[in-house]
Amino acid sequence: MAKLALLSVSDKTGLADFATALVEQHGYTLLSTGGTARALAEAGLPVTEVGAHTGFPEIMEGRVKTLHPKIHGGLLCRRDSEAHLAQAAANGIELIDLVVVNLYPFEETVARPGVSFEEAIENIDIGGPSMLRSAAKNHASVTVVCDPADYRAVLDALAAAKETEGASSGAAGGRGDVGRSAASGSAVLAALRQRLALKVFQRTGGYDAAIARYLAGREGQLGGHGSKDSKPAGAAGADSAAGAACGVASASVAGGTEAAASAAPGSAASVDEPDLAALSGFPEQLTLSYRKAQALRYGENPHQQAALYGTFHEHYEQLQGKELSYNNILDISSATYLIGEFERPTVAILKHTNPCGVASADTLEVAWEAAYATDRQAPFGGIIVVNHTLGAELARTIAEIFTEVIIAPRFSEEALAIFSKKKNLRLLVAKEGLGADSLQELRSVVGGVLLQDRDKTLGRPSEFKVVTRRQPSAEEWASMLFAWKICKHVKSNSIVYCRGEQTLGVGAGQMARVDSSRIAVWKAGEAGLDLRGSVVASEALFPFADGLVAAADAGATCAIQPGGSVRDAEVIAAADARGMAMVFTGIRHFRH
């Protein structure tokens, strides 16, 4: 009996060559649908339309074409079950041995600007995932392919299995070496089928998660067929369901329509009411779905294996330099979020995700001198990020320093020529503008993950509270707000000293806040920067007066912090005693 292969693909890469090999080398009969059948026929291959095979036409504009017992019976029939085989024969069901399906491009469709809700809905594949899952469930007997990249491996495994069949008679005649070859050929195909089945469930799981993420961001549209005038929901948009612009995660809701349908009318799970947890971005069940984007040389350390998943590379264009490392990618993300706080020409220098120098000015060249002056040692092997076009003058200056990565929205041609002499230097253009945002962030913990809204707010200065007798001057206010933006991006406990739009000293990651202050003061001294008349920013409250006293002793005249300590009165008194102005923001910015 001829072997039957069912092919229905949206991505026709390599299809004709693969199908030709199936027919000519392995004796398959081809069964197909719509555009795939036309492509096969145009390649000169004999092909049977699914409608002719099932005796039932495609209906409802192609929404129903493969959802038929003659398709799924042929996929799910167990070849080792006499009952299954008898039922298949009694119902005229031919067994399908190989399935090639890739899905409607839903993710690509919804990623396009301005795509309508109706178009998105029509790109939800129903028959494709159903065939893939049926075949994958029965992978002991059916080879299932969801990725054109696997065509070569499938043909090789089929060739090995074909040799197995040819060697079987030799094995029966007592030739042990041939018997071992036959067993080996069968094992190759069986192992491949298992790997391909796993890939199917990973792919369909990710596909469903992408759909759930999209629908979670549509307000009042979940029950309809879609409208060309449909608009996305507000703050709880498509990106809010675990991740978004930077592809942090995808989310799906446990229970689904069955759980909703079983609830009593008017109850919290009524079908007329949305799942508020899902719409807020925190569904009852979180499904993570990422595509592998890059195999990394190693992780944080050489003994750790690592890979990058998601859409990171869609946000940057690498113009030159070595492949990005695990640590580079972490630093680039931190740099991108930090620079997104600023509109004036700004330069930030980071090391191990912490800013070691930041400055804003009328030009990037002036900003660079101020940022670099903060710490002339830490930038060695660090990351530099700017938010305006990086030109030749600054490029010549930076080129003198060993830097891992430079990020900018644009580079001038002269700057590119200068940097081209440093072959290992990685130059990145931020495709979507620096500060590309994700709404949520994900952290792995023992036994699971933590999901939270990203810390995007700085608070409203109009709502900040001056708690000291002395009011800050206009210059101090400007310096405080600049420092407040930066301390949010420094690992806790963080202390940042600034004057104007320049960092003077940064203290990061100490267990005692006073130690972070001392480190920042020491770093400023090492850089030859005078802290007299500076402002100090603390991302969290001063639990004791000692941290504030250390800042005052160093020369700071103004402090900005969240407030909220049981010893606030003590800290305020210490500020008043030293003639300092102090502002409480009411907002904490821990960063771990």
Protein backbone atom coordinates (compact mmCIF):
# COMPACT_ATOMS: atom_id res chain seq x y z
CA MET A 1 0.00 0.00 0.00
CA ALA A 2 1.35 3.44 -0.93
CA LYS A 3 2.37 5.66 1.96
CA LEU A 4 0.34 8.84 2.35
CA ALA A 5 1.80 12.27 3.12
CA LEU A 6 -0.39 15.25 4.02
CA LEU A 7 1.13 18.66 3.28
CA SER A 8 -0.48 22.01 4.18
CA VAL A 9 1.92 24.90 4.70
CA SER A 10 1.98 28.69 4.75
CA ASP A 11 5.80 28.77 4.46
CA LYS A 12 6.62 27.03 1.19
CA THR A 13 10.40 27.24 1.60
CA GLY A 14 11.93 24.02 0.27
CA LEU A 15 8.50 22.45 -0.20
CA ALA A 16 8.85 21.38 -3.84
CA ASP A 17 12.23 19.70 -3.34
CA PHE A 18 11.07 17.95 -0.18
CA ALA A 19 7.83 16.70 -1.76
CA THR A 20 9.70 15.54 -4.87
CA ALA A 21 12.00 13.44 -2.71
CA LEU A 22 9.02 11.96 -0.87
CA VAL A 23 7.44 10.88 -4.15
CA GLU A 24 10.46 9.81 -6.17
CA GLN A 25 12.69 8.33 -3.47
CA HIS A 26 10.20 7.03 -0.94
CA GLY A 27 7.01 6.30 -2.88
CA TYR A 28 4.65 8.66 -1.06
CA THR A 29 1.27 9.75 -2.39
CA LEU A 30 0.66 13.46 -1.74
CA LEU A 31 -2.47 14.84 -0.12
CA SER A 32 -2.79 18.60 0.19
CA THR A 33 -4.93 21.72 0.55
CA GLY A 34 -5.49 24.99 -1.31
CA GLY A 35 -2.35 26.97 -2.05
CA THR A 36 -0.06 24.12 -1.06
CA ALA A 37 -1.76 21.79 -3.55
CA ARG A 38 -1.38 24.40 -6.27
CA ALA A 39 2.31 24.85 -5.50
CA LEU A 40 2.87 21.08 -5.67
CA ALA A 41 0.98 20.80 -8.95
CA GLU A 42 2.98 23.66 -10.42
CA ALA A 43 6.13 21.74 -9.47
CA GLY A 44 4.85 18.86 -11.61
CA LEU A 45 3.94 16.59 -8.71
CA PRO A 46 0.80 14.43 -8.56
CA VAL A 47 -1.36 15.64 -5.69
CA THR A 48 -4.84 14.88 -4.35
CA GLU A 49 -6.91 17.70 -2.84
CA VAL A 50 -8.18 17.08 0.69
CA GLY A 51 -11.76 17.65 -0.47
CA ALA A 52 -11.46 14.83 -2.99
CA HIS A 53 -9.96 12.59 -0.31
CA THR A 54 -12.65 13.24 2.30
CA GLY A 55 -15.56 13.67 -0.09
CA PHE A 56 -16.36 16.93 1.69
CA PRO A 57 -15.55 20.36 0.23
CA GLU A 58 -13.79 23.27 1.89
CA ILE A 59 -16.46 25.52 3.40
CA MET A 60 -16.80 28.83 5.20
CA GLU A 61 -14.05 30.58 3.24
CA GLY A 62 -11.57 27.84 4.04
CA ARG A 63 -12.20 27.82 7.78
CA VAL A 64 -13.22 24.15 7.54
CA LYS A 65 -11.20 21.89 5.26
CA THR A 66 -9.15 19.34 7.22
CA LEU A 67 -11.39 18.92 10.28
CA HIS A 68 -12.73 15.56 9.12
CA PRO A 69 -12.64 11.96 10.46
CA LYS A 70 -10.86 10.76 7.32
CA ILE A 71 -8.01 13.13 8.17
CA HIS A 72 -7.80 12.75 11.93
CA GLY A 73 -8.70 9.07 11.87
CA GLY A 74 -5.82 8.54 9.45
CA LEU A 75 -3.50 10.39 11.80
CA LEU A 76 -4.61 8.96 15.14
CA CYS A 77 -5.08 5.30 14.21
CA ARG A 78 -2.69 3.13 16.20
CA ARG A 79 -0.93 0.74 13.89
CA ASP A 80 -0.49 -1.78 16.71
CA SER A 81 -4.24 -1.90 17.48
CA GLU A 82 -6.34 -4.40 15.55
CA ALA A 83 -9.48 -2.59 16.70
CA HIS A 84 -8.23 0.75 15.37
CA LEU A 85 -7.20 -0.77 12.07
CA ALA A 86 -10.54 -2.56 11.69
CA GLN A 87 -12.49 0.65 12.39
CA ALA A 88 -10.34 2.56 9.89
CA ALA A 89 -10.99 -0.06 7.21
CA ALA A 90 -14.72 -0.17 7.96
CA ASN A 91 -14.99 3.60 7.56
CA GLY A 92 -12.80 3.93 4.49
CA ILE A 93 -10.06 5.77 6.38
CA GLU A 94 -6.62 5.63 4.79
CA LEU A 95 -3.67 5.83 7.16
CA ILE A 96 -1.55 8.96 6.93
CA ASP A 97 2.15 8.31 7.53
CA LEU A 98 3.66 11.78 7.32
CA VAL A 99 2.29 15.26 8.02
CA VAL A 100 3.91 18.55 7.01
CA VAL A 101 2.14 21.60 8.42
CA ASN A 102 3.26 25.07 9.38
CA LEU A 103 0.79 27.52 10.75
CA TYR A 104 -0.88 30.71 9.60
CA PRO A 105 1.52 33.55 10.48
CA PHE A 106 -0.48 34.89 13.42
CA GLU A 107 2.49 36.36 15.32
CA GLU A 108 3.78 38.15 12.23
CA THR A 109 0.30 39.42 11.39
CA VAL A 110 -0.40 41.03 14.77
CA ALA A 111 3.10 42.53 14.85
CA ARG A 112 2.30 44.64 11.78
CA PRO A 113 1.32 48.25 12.56
CA GLY A 114 -2.36 48.97 12.08
CA VAL A 115 -3.48 45.39 11.59
CA SER A 116 -7.24 45.05 12.09
CA PHE A 117 -8.77 42.78 14.68
CA GLU A 118 -10.64 40.93 11.91
CA GLU A 119 -7.42 40.22 10.02
CA ALA A 120 -5.77 38.97 13.19
CA ILE A 121 -8.66 36.62 13.93
CA GLU A 122 -8.61 35.21 10.38
CA ASN A 123 -4.93 34.37 10.87
CA ILE A 124 -5.67 32.08 13.80
CA ASP A 125 -5.00 28.61 12.44
CA ILE A 126 -7.40 25.91 13.64
CA GLY A 127 -6.93 22.97 11.29
CA GLY A 128 -3.14 23.22 11.28
CA PRO A 129 -2.58 22.86 15.04
CA SER A 130 -5.22 20.11 15.13
CA MET A 131 -3.40 18.04 12.50
CA LEU A 132 -0.03 18.67 14.12
CA ARG A 133 -1.27 17.61 17.54
CA SER A 134 -3.01 14.50 16.21
CA ALA A 135 0.12 13.43 14.36
CA ALA A 136 2.39 14.26 17.30
CA LYS A 137 0.21 12.24 19.68
CA ASN A 138 0.62 9.26 17.35
CA HIS A 139 4.32 9.88 16.66
CA ALA A 140 5.08 6.20 17.17
CA SER A 141 3.59 5.71 13.71
CA VAL A 142 3.43 9.16 12.11
CA THR A 143 6.24 11.53 11.20
CA VAL A 144 5.19 15.13 11.83
CA VAL A 145 7.03 18.19 10.53
CA CYS A 146 6.21 21.78 11.54
CA ASP A 147 9.45 23.47 10.43
CA PRO A 148 11.06 23.47 6.97
CA ALA A 149 14.44 23.35 8.71
CA ASP A 150 13.69 19.69 9.52
CA TYR A 151 13.12 18.53 5.94
CA ARG A 152 16.69 17.29 5.50
CA ALA A 153 16.67 15.33 8.76
CA VAL A 154 13.36 13.70 7.80
CA LEU A 155 14.64 12.60 4.40
CA ASP A 156 17.79 11.18 5.99
CA ALA A 157 15.74 9.25 8.56
CA LEU A 158 13.39 7.92 5.89
CA ALA A 159 16.42 6.76 3.90
CA ALA A 160 17.75 4.97 6.98
CA ALA A 161 14.35 3.35 7.53
CA LYS A 162 14.26 2.30 3.88
CA GLU A 163 17.61 0.57 4.32
CA THR A 164 16.12 -1.13 7.37
CA GLU A 165 13.32 -2.59 5.30
CA GLY A 166 15.78 -3.83 2.71
CA ALA A 167 17.96 -5.39 5.35
CA SER A 168 15.15 -7.20 7.15
CA SER A 169 15.32 -10.29 4.93
CA GLY A 170 19.05 -10.51 5.54
CA ALA A 171 18.50 -10.34 9.26
CA ALA A 172 15.91 -13.12 9.04
CA GLY A 173 18.52 -15.25 7.23
CA GLY A 174 20.90 -15.06 10.16
CA ARG A 175 23.13 -12.16 9.13
CA GLY A 176 23.56 -10.49 12.51
CA ASP A 177 25.40 -7.44 11.17
CA VAL A 178 22.50 -6.67 8.84
CA GLY A 179 20.05 -7.15 11.69
CA ARG A 180 21.92 -4.62 13.77
CA SER A 181 21.83 -2.18 10.81
CA ALA A 182 18.09 -2.70 10.48
CA ALA A 183 17.53 -1.99 14.17
CA SER A 184 19.71 1.09 13.89
CA GLY A 185 17.68 2.44 10.97
CA SER A 186 14.42 1.99 12.87
CA ALA A 187 15.89 3.69 15.93
CA VAL A 188 16.92 6.72 13.87
CA LEU A 189 13.38 7.27 12.60
CA ALA A 190 11.79 6.60 16.00
CA ALA A 191 14.13 9.05 17.74
CA LEU A 192 13.49 11.70 15.12
CA ARG A 193 9.72 11.25 15.37
CA GLN A 194 9.91 11.79 19.12
CA ARG A 195 11.98 14.97 18.73
CA LEU A 196 9.64 16.30 16.07
CA ALA A 197 6.59 15.56 18.23
CA LEU A 198 8.14 17.53 21.07
CA LYS A 199 8.80 20.39 18.68
CA VAL A 200 5.15 20.34 17.61
CA PHE A 201 3.84 20.72 21.14
CA GLN A 202 6.35 23.49 21.82
CA ARG A 203 5.26 25.27 18.64
CA THR A 204 1.52 24.89 19.16
CA GLY A 205 1.86 25.87 22.82
CA GLY A 206 3.68 29.03 21.81
CA TYR A 207 1.15 29.72 19.08
CA ASP A 208 -1.75 29.45 21.50
CA ALA A 209 0.09 31.64 24.00
CA ALA A 210 0.60 34.33 21.36
CA ILE A 211 -3.11 34.28 20.56
CA ALA A 212 -4.02 34.49 24.25
CA ARG A 213 -1.65 37.42 24.71
CA TYR A 214 -3.23 39.25 21.79
CA LEU A 215 -6.82 38.59 22.88
CA ALA A 216 -6.05 39.58 26.47
CA GLY A 217 -5.38 43.06 25.17
CA ARG A 218 -8.66 43.46 23.30
CA GLU A 219 -11.43 44.98 25.36
CA GLY A 220 -14.97 43.89 24.61
CA GLN A 221 -14.03 41.93 21.49
CA LEU A 222 -13.49 38.42 22.78
CA GLY A 223 -16.97 37.15 21.92
CA GLY A 224 -17.24 38.38 18.34
CA HIS A 225 -15.82 37.51 14.96
CA GLY A 226 -13.95 40.79 14.77
CA SER A 227 -14.47 44.22 13.28
CA LYS A 228 -12.39 46.23 10.88
CA ASP A 229 -12.95 49.21 13.16
CA SER A 230 -11.75 47.39 16.27
CA LYS A 231 -9.20 49.24 18.36
CA PRO A 232 -6.79 47.94 20.99
CA ALA A 233 -7.52 48.37 24.64
CA GLY A 234 -5.78 51.08 26.59
CA ALA A 235 -3.06 50.48 29.14
CA ALA A 236 -3.85 46.78 29.30
CA GLY A 237 -3.01 46.37 25.62
CA ALA A 238 -1.67 43.41 23.76
CA ASP A 239 1.78 44.08 25.16
CA SER A 240 0.65 43.94 28.78
CA ALA A 241 0.02 40.22 28.92
CA ALA A 242 3.40 39.26 30.27
CA GLY A 243 5.69 41.14 28.27
CA ALA A 244 5.42 42.83 25.01
CA ALA A 245 7.77 45.16 23.25
CA CYS A 246 10.83 43.24 24.30
CA GLY A 247 9.03 39.85 24.15
CA VAL A 248 9.27 39.07 27.82
CA ALA A 249 6.53 36.43 27.94
CA SER A 250 3.25 35.21 26.61
CA ALA A 251 0.25 34.49 28.78
CA SER A 252 -2.75 32.21 28.62
CA VAL A 253 -5.70 31.83 30.95
CA ALA A 254 -6.38 28.56 32.74
CA GLY A 255 -9.83 27.12 32.41
CA GLY A 256 -10.76 28.97 29.23
CA THR A 257 -14.28 28.90 27.80
CA GLU A 258 -15.23 25.61 29.43
CA ALA A 259 -14.63 27.03 32.90
CA ALA A 260 -16.51 30.18 31.99
CA ALA A 261 -19.44 28.27 30.52
CA SER A 262 -19.81 26.13 33.61
CA ALA A 263 -20.05 29.12 35.95
CA ALA A 264 -23.39 30.35 37.20
CA PRO A 265 -24.80 33.46 35.46
CA GLY A 266 -23.56 36.59 37.15
CA SER A 267 -20.69 34.81 38.86
CA ALA A 268 -17.08 36.00 38.63
CA ALA A 269 -16.43 33.53 35.81
CA SER A 270 -19.54 34.36 33.79
CA VAL A 271 -19.00 34.27 30.04
CA ASP A 272 -20.25 37.87 29.87
CA GLU A 273 -17.42 39.15 32.03
CA PRO A 274 -13.76 39.34 31.03
CA ASP A 275 -11.03 37.67 33.02
CA LEU A 276 -9.73 40.78 34.76
CA ALA A 277 -6.56 38.98 35.82
CA ALA A 278 -5.74 38.24 32.19
CA LEU A 279 -6.57 41.77 31.05
CA SER A 280 -4.32 43.21 33.76
CA GLY A 281 -1.43 41.09 32.54
CA PHE A 282 -1.48 38.64 35.46
CA PRO A 283 -3.53 35.62 34.30
CA GLU A 284 -4.24 32.62 36.48
CA GLN A 285 -1.94 30.55 34.28
CA LEU A 286 1.22 31.96 32.72
CA THR A 287 2.53 30.22 29.61
CA LEU A 288 6.03 31.24 28.58
CA SER A 289 6.71 31.02 24.89
CA TYR A 290 9.93 32.17 23.27
CA ARG A 291 11.67 31.22 20.05
CA LYS A 292 15.38 30.57 20.24
CA ALA A 293 17.12 33.59 18.75
CA GLN A 294 20.77 32.82 19.36
CA ALA A 295 22.99 30.15 20.87
CA LEU A 296 25.49 32.00 23.07
CA ARG A 297 29.12 30.98 23.55
CA TYR A 298 28.45 30.68 27.27
CA GLY A 299 26.44 32.29 30.04
CA GLU A 300 27.43 34.69 32.78
CA ASN A 301 30.57 32.58 33.24
CA PRO A 302 32.42 30.28 30.82
CA HIS A 303 31.28 27.11 32.61
CA GLN A 304 27.59 28.01 32.11
CA GLN A 305 25.75 27.19 28.88
CA ALA A 306 23.29 29.78 27.60
CA ALA A 307 21.00 30.85 24.77
CA LEU A 308 18.92 33.92 23.94
CA TYR A 309 15.18 33.58 23.32
CA GLY A 310 12.64 36.11 22.11
CA THR A 311 12.75 39.24 19.96
CA PHE A 312 15.81 41.03 21.35
CA HIS A 313 17.47 41.23 17.92
CA GLU A 314 14.41 42.90 16.42
CA HIS A 315 15.12 45.98 18.53
CA TYR A 316 18.74 46.46 17.50
CA GLU A 317 20.84 46.27 14.36
CA GLN A 318 24.44 45.21 14.95
CA LEU A 319 26.66 47.05 12.50
CA GLN A 320 29.99 45.49 13.40
CA GLY A 321 31.92 43.59 16.03
CA LYS A 322 31.92 40.22 17.71
CA GLU A 323 28.81 38.23 18.51
CA LEU A 324 26.96 39.54 21.53
CA SER A 325 27.62 37.71 24.77
CA TYR A 326 25.24 36.89 27.61
CA ASN A 327 26.67 39.74 29.70
CA ASN A 328 26.58 42.14 26.74
CA ILE A 329 22.86 41.49 26.33
CA LEU A 330 22.17 42.19 30.00
CA ASP A 331 24.16 45.43 29.84
CA ILE A 332 22.50 46.52 26.60
CA SER A 333 19.04 46.08 28.12
CA SER A 334 19.99 48.08 31.21
CA ALA A 335 21.56 50.81 29.07
CA THR A 336 18.47 51.03 26.87
CA TYR A 337 16.11 51.46 29.80
CA LEU A 338 18.35 54.06 31.43
CA ILE A 339 18.82 56.24 28.35
CA GLY A 340 15.08 56.17 27.76
CA GLU A 341 14.67 58.48 30.77
CA PHE A 342 16.28 61.40 28.92
CA GLU A 343 15.41 63.69 26.01
CA ARG A 344 18.34 66.14 26.03
CA PRO A 345 21.60 64.85 24.49
CA THR A 346 22.78 62.30 27.05
CA VAL A 347 25.67 59.88 27.44
CA ALA A 348 25.57 56.97 29.88
CA ILE A 349 28.43 54.60 30.64
CA LEU A 350 27.56 51.27 32.28
CA LYS A 351 29.45 48.35 33.74
CA HIS A 352 27.80 45.16 34.99
CA THR A 353 24.37 46.78 34.36
CA ASN A 354 25.14 49.72 36.69
CA PRO A 355 25.68 53.27 35.44
CA CYS A 356 29.12 54.55 36.40
CA GLY A 357 28.76 57.92 34.69
CA VAL A 358 25.82 59.81 33.17
CA ALA A 359 25.52 63.36 31.89
CA SER A 360 23.25 65.51 29.74
CA ALA A 361 24.31 68.64 27.86
CA ASP A 362 23.65 70.67 24.75
CA THR A 363 25.83 68.28 22.74
CA LEU A 364 26.89 64.67 23.13
CA GLU A 365 30.53 65.73 23.11
CA VAL A 366 30.06 67.91 26.20
CA ALA A 367 27.89 65.24 27.84
CA TRP A 368 30.60 62.63 27.23
CA GLU A 369 33.29 64.66 28.98
CA ALA A 370 31.05 65.07 32.03
CA ALA A 371 29.94 61.43 32.13
CA TYR A 372 33.47 60.08 31.66
CA ALA A 373 34.80 62.43 34.34
CA THR A 374 32.68 60.62 36.94
CA ASP A 375 34.81 57.49 36.72
CA ARG A 376 37.71 57.06 34.29
CA GLN A 377 38.47 53.47 35.35
CA ALA A 378 35.14 51.63 35.42
CA PRO A 379 34.28 52.28 31.73
CA PHE A 380 37.12 49.96 30.64
CA GLY A 381 35.29 47.09 28.95
CA GLY A 382 31.92 48.72 29.56
CA ILE A 383 28.88 49.85 27.56
CA ILE A 384 28.34 53.35 26.17
CA VAL A 385 24.87 54.49 25.15
CA VAL A 386 23.77 57.82 23.66
CA ASN A 387 20.39 59.13 22.60
CA HIS A 388 21.33 61.31 19.62
CA THR A 389 23.40 60.77 16.48
CA LEU A 390 26.96 59.81 17.37
CA GLY A 391 29.32 61.81 15.18
CA ALA A 392 32.99 61.78 14.23
CA GLU A 393 34.27 64.02 17.04
CA LEU A 394 32.87 61.84 19.79
CA ALA A 395 33.81 58.67 17.90
CA ARG A 396 37.48 59.72 17.85
CA THR A 397 37.39 60.27 21.61
CA ILE A 398 35.61 57.03 22.48
CA ALA A 399 37.81 55.01 20.13
CA GLU A 400 40.74 55.63 22.48
CA ILE A 401 39.00 53.63 25.22
CA PHE A 402 38.44 49.87 25.29
CA THR A 403 34.68 49.48 25.06
CA GLU A 404 32.60 46.34 24.56
CA VAL A 405 29.46 47.90 23.07
CA ILE A 406 28.31 51.30 21.83
CA ILE A 407 24.59 51.93 21.28
CA ALA A 408 23.07 54.89 19.45
CA PRO A 409 19.97 55.67 17.43
CA ARG A 410 22.27 56.64 14.54
CA PHE A 411 25.98 56.82 13.67
CA SER A 412 27.42 59.28 11.17
CA GLU A 413 29.35 57.83 8.23
CA GLU A 414 32.55 59.37 9.61
CA ALA A 415 31.95 57.77 13.00
CA LEU A 416 31.43 54.37 11.39
CA ALA A 417 34.69 54.75 9.49
CA ILE A 418 36.54 55.54 12.71
CA PHE A 419 35.03 52.64 14.63
CA SER A 420 35.61 50.22 11.73
CA LYS A 421 39.28 50.09 12.72
CA LYS A 422 38.26 48.40 15.98
CA LYS A 423 37.00 45.10 14.58
CA ASN A 424 35.86 43.61 17.89
CA LEU A 425 33.89 46.67 19.00
CA ARG A 426 30.18 45.98 18.82
CA LEU A 427 28.14 48.84 17.35
CA LEU A 428 24.38 48.68 17.78
CA VAL A 429 21.66 50.86 16.32
CA ALA A 430 18.49 50.90 18.39
CA LYS A 431 15.90 50.21 15.68
CA GLU A 432 12.86 51.49 17.54
CA GLY A 433 14.49 54.36 19.36
CA LEU A 434 16.28 54.10 22.66
CA GLY A 435 14.13 53.39 25.67
CA ALA A 436 12.14 50.68 23.84
CA ASP A 437 9.74 49.59 26.49
CA SER A 438 8.37 46.41 27.97
CA LEU A 439 5.49 46.68 30.39
CA GLN A 440 6.50 43.78 32.60
CA GLU A 441 9.58 41.88 33.65
CA LEU A 442 10.17 38.28 34.58
CA ARG A 443 12.61 36.76 37.08
CA SER A 444 13.28 33.10 37.71
CA VAL A 445 13.07 31.85 41.30
CA VAL A 446 13.16 28.44 42.93
CA GLY A 447 10.22 26.49 41.55
CA GLY A 448 8.83 29.22 39.31
CA VAL A 449 9.00 32.79 38.12
CA LEU A 450 8.11 36.24 39.42
CA LEU A 451 6.24 38.58 37.12
CA GLN A 452 5.86 42.27 37.90
CA ASP A 453 5.13 45.59 36.25
CA ARG A 454 8.35 47.25 35.21
CA ASP A 455 9.38 50.21 37.36
CA LYS A 456 8.56 52.98 34.90
CA THR A 457 7.35 55.79 37.12
CA LEU A 458 9.47 58.60 38.53
CA GLY A 459 6.54 60.23 40.25
CA ARG A 460 5.23 63.76 39.76
CA PRO A 461 7.54 66.49 41.03
CA SER A 462 4.45 68.58 41.81
CA GLU A 463 3.51 65.89 44.33
CA PHE A 464 6.95 65.63 45.93
CA LYS A 465 7.10 67.00 49.45
CA VAL A 466 9.78 69.30 50.84
CA VAL A 467 10.17 68.15 54.45
CA THR A 468 12.95 70.47 55.66
CA ARG A 469 12.88 74.08 56.74
CA ARG A 470 14.97 75.12 53.77
CA GLN A 471 13.42 74.95 50.31
CA PRO A 472 15.56 73.65 47.43
CA SER A 473 16.74 76.24 44.93
CA ALA A 474 15.76 75.97 41.26
CA GLU A 475 19.23 74.61 40.49
CA GLU A 476 18.92 72.02 43.24
CA TRP A 477 15.54 70.94 41.96
CA ALA A 478 16.98 70.36 38.49
CA SER A 479 19.92 68.41 39.91
CA MET A 480 17.65 66.34 42.15
CA LEU A 481 15.37 65.30 39.33
CA PHE A 482 18.38 64.31 37.22
CA ALA A 483 19.83 62.25 40.08
CA TRP A 484 16.43 60.69 40.80
CA LYS A 485 16.24 59.34 37.24
CA ILE A 486 19.64 57.71 37.57
CA CYS A 487 19.41 56.15 41.04
CA LYS A 488 16.38 54.17 39.81
CA HIS A 489 18.75 52.25 37.52
CA VAL A 490 21.49 51.54 40.09
CA LYS A 491 21.47 48.28 42.05
CA SER A 492 20.19 48.66 45.60
CA ASN A 493 21.27 50.06 47.90
CA SER A 494 22.03 52.97 45.59
CA ILE A 495 23.32 56.46 46.27
CA VAL A 496 23.98 58.95 43.48
CA TYR A 497 25.62 62.37 43.82
CA CYS A 498 25.01 64.90 41.05
CA ARG A 499 25.52 68.54 40.24
CA GLY A 500 23.57 70.01 37.37
CA GLU A 501 23.17 67.26 34.79
CA GLN A 502 26.27 65.30 35.72
CA THR A 503 26.90 62.38 38.04
CA LEU A 504 29.72 63.00 40.52
CA GLY A 505 29.73 59.72 42.41
CA VAL A 506 27.76 56.47 42.26
CA GLY A 507 27.52 53.95 45.08
CA ALA A 508 25.83 50.66 44.19
CA GLY A 509 24.79 47.37 45.67
CA GLN A 510 25.86 47.69 49.30
CA MET A 511 24.02 45.99 52.13
CA ALA A 512 24.16 49.16 54.28
CA ARG A 513 22.99 52.39 52.67
CA VAL A 514 25.64 54.41 54.45
CA ASP A 515 28.29 52.24 52.77
CA SER A 516 26.87 53.05 49.34
CA SER A 517 27.13 56.72 50.26
CA ARG A 518 30.73 56.31 51.40
CA ILE A 519 31.65 54.50 48.18
CA ALA A 520 30.07 57.25 46.08
CA VAL A 521 31.98 59.89 48.05
CA TRP A 522 35.22 57.93 47.67
CA LYS A 523 34.68 57.49 43.92
CA ALA A 524 34.09 61.24 43.53
CA GLY A 525 37.29 61.92 45.41
CA GLU A 526 39.22 59.47 43.23
CA ALA A 527 37.90 61.30 40.16
CA GLY A 528 38.87 64.69 41.62
CA LEU A 529 35.27 65.89 41.73
CA ASP A 530 34.13 68.29 44.42
CA LEU A 531 30.86 67.32 46.11
CA ARG A 532 30.32 70.71 47.73
CA GLY A 533 26.96 72.03 46.58
CA SER A 534 25.91 68.66 45.15
CA VAL A 535 22.63 66.82 45.58
CA VAL A 536 22.30 63.23 46.77
CA ALA A 537 19.63 60.77 45.63
CA SER A 538 18.73 57.56 47.43
CA GLU A 539 16.47 55.04 45.66
CA ALA A 540 14.99 53.96 49.02
CA LEU A 541 14.51 55.58 52.39
CA PHE A 542 17.34 56.47 54.75
CA PRO A 543 16.65 54.07 57.64
CA PHE A 544 18.96 56.07 59.90
CA ALA A 545 20.40 59.54 59.81
CA ASP A 546 23.94 58.23 59.24
CA GLY A 547 23.61 58.03 55.44
CA LEU A 548 22.33 61.59 55.22
CA VAL A 549 25.01 62.83 57.62
CA ALA A 550 27.69 61.19 55.45
CA ALA A 551 26.27 63.03 52.43
CA ALA A 552 26.20 66.35 54.27
CA ASP A 553 29.76 65.86 55.51
CA ALA A 554 30.82 65.24 51.89
CA GLY A 555 29.30 68.58 50.84
CA ALA A 556 25.80 67.72 49.61
CA THR A 557 23.29 70.49 50.22
CA CYS A 558 20.13 68.74 49.12
CA ALA A 559 18.71 65.19 49.25
CA ILE A 560 15.92 63.37 47.45
CA GLN A 561 14.54 60.08 48.78
CA PRO A 562 11.22 58.24 49.14
CA GLY A 563 10.81 58.79 52.87
CA GLY A 564 8.70 56.47 54.97
CA SER A 565 11.17 55.41 57.66
CA VAL A 566 10.07 55.15 61.27
CA ARG A 567 13.04 57.46 61.86
CA ASP A 568 12.05 60.06 59.27
CA ALA A 569 11.88 62.72 61.98
CA GLU A 570 15.46 61.92 63.00
CA VAL A 571 16.66 62.12 59.39
CA ILE A 572 14.79 65.41 58.80
CA ALA A 573 16.27 66.87 61.98
CA ALA A 574 19.77 65.90 60.81
CA ALA A 575 19.14 67.66 57.49
CA ASP A 576 17.81 70.79 59.21
CA ALA A 577 20.78 70.85 61.57
CA ARG A 578 23.11 70.96 58.57
CA GLY A 579 21.12 73.44 56.52
CA MET A 580 20.17 70.86 53.90
CA ALA A 581 16.99 70.80 51.87
CA MET A 582 15.31 67.41 51.52
CA VAL A 583 12.48 66.14 49.36
CA PHE A 584 10.34 63.04 49.89
CA THR A 585 8.98 61.49 46.68
CA GLY A 586 6.82 58.78 48.25
CA ILE A 587 8.09 56.32 45.62
CA ARG A 588 10.73 53.64 46.21
CA HIS A 589 12.96 52.25 43.45
CA PHE A 590 14.56 49.08 44.81
CA ARG A 591 16.52 47.23 42.12
CA HIS A 592 17.82 43.75 42.85
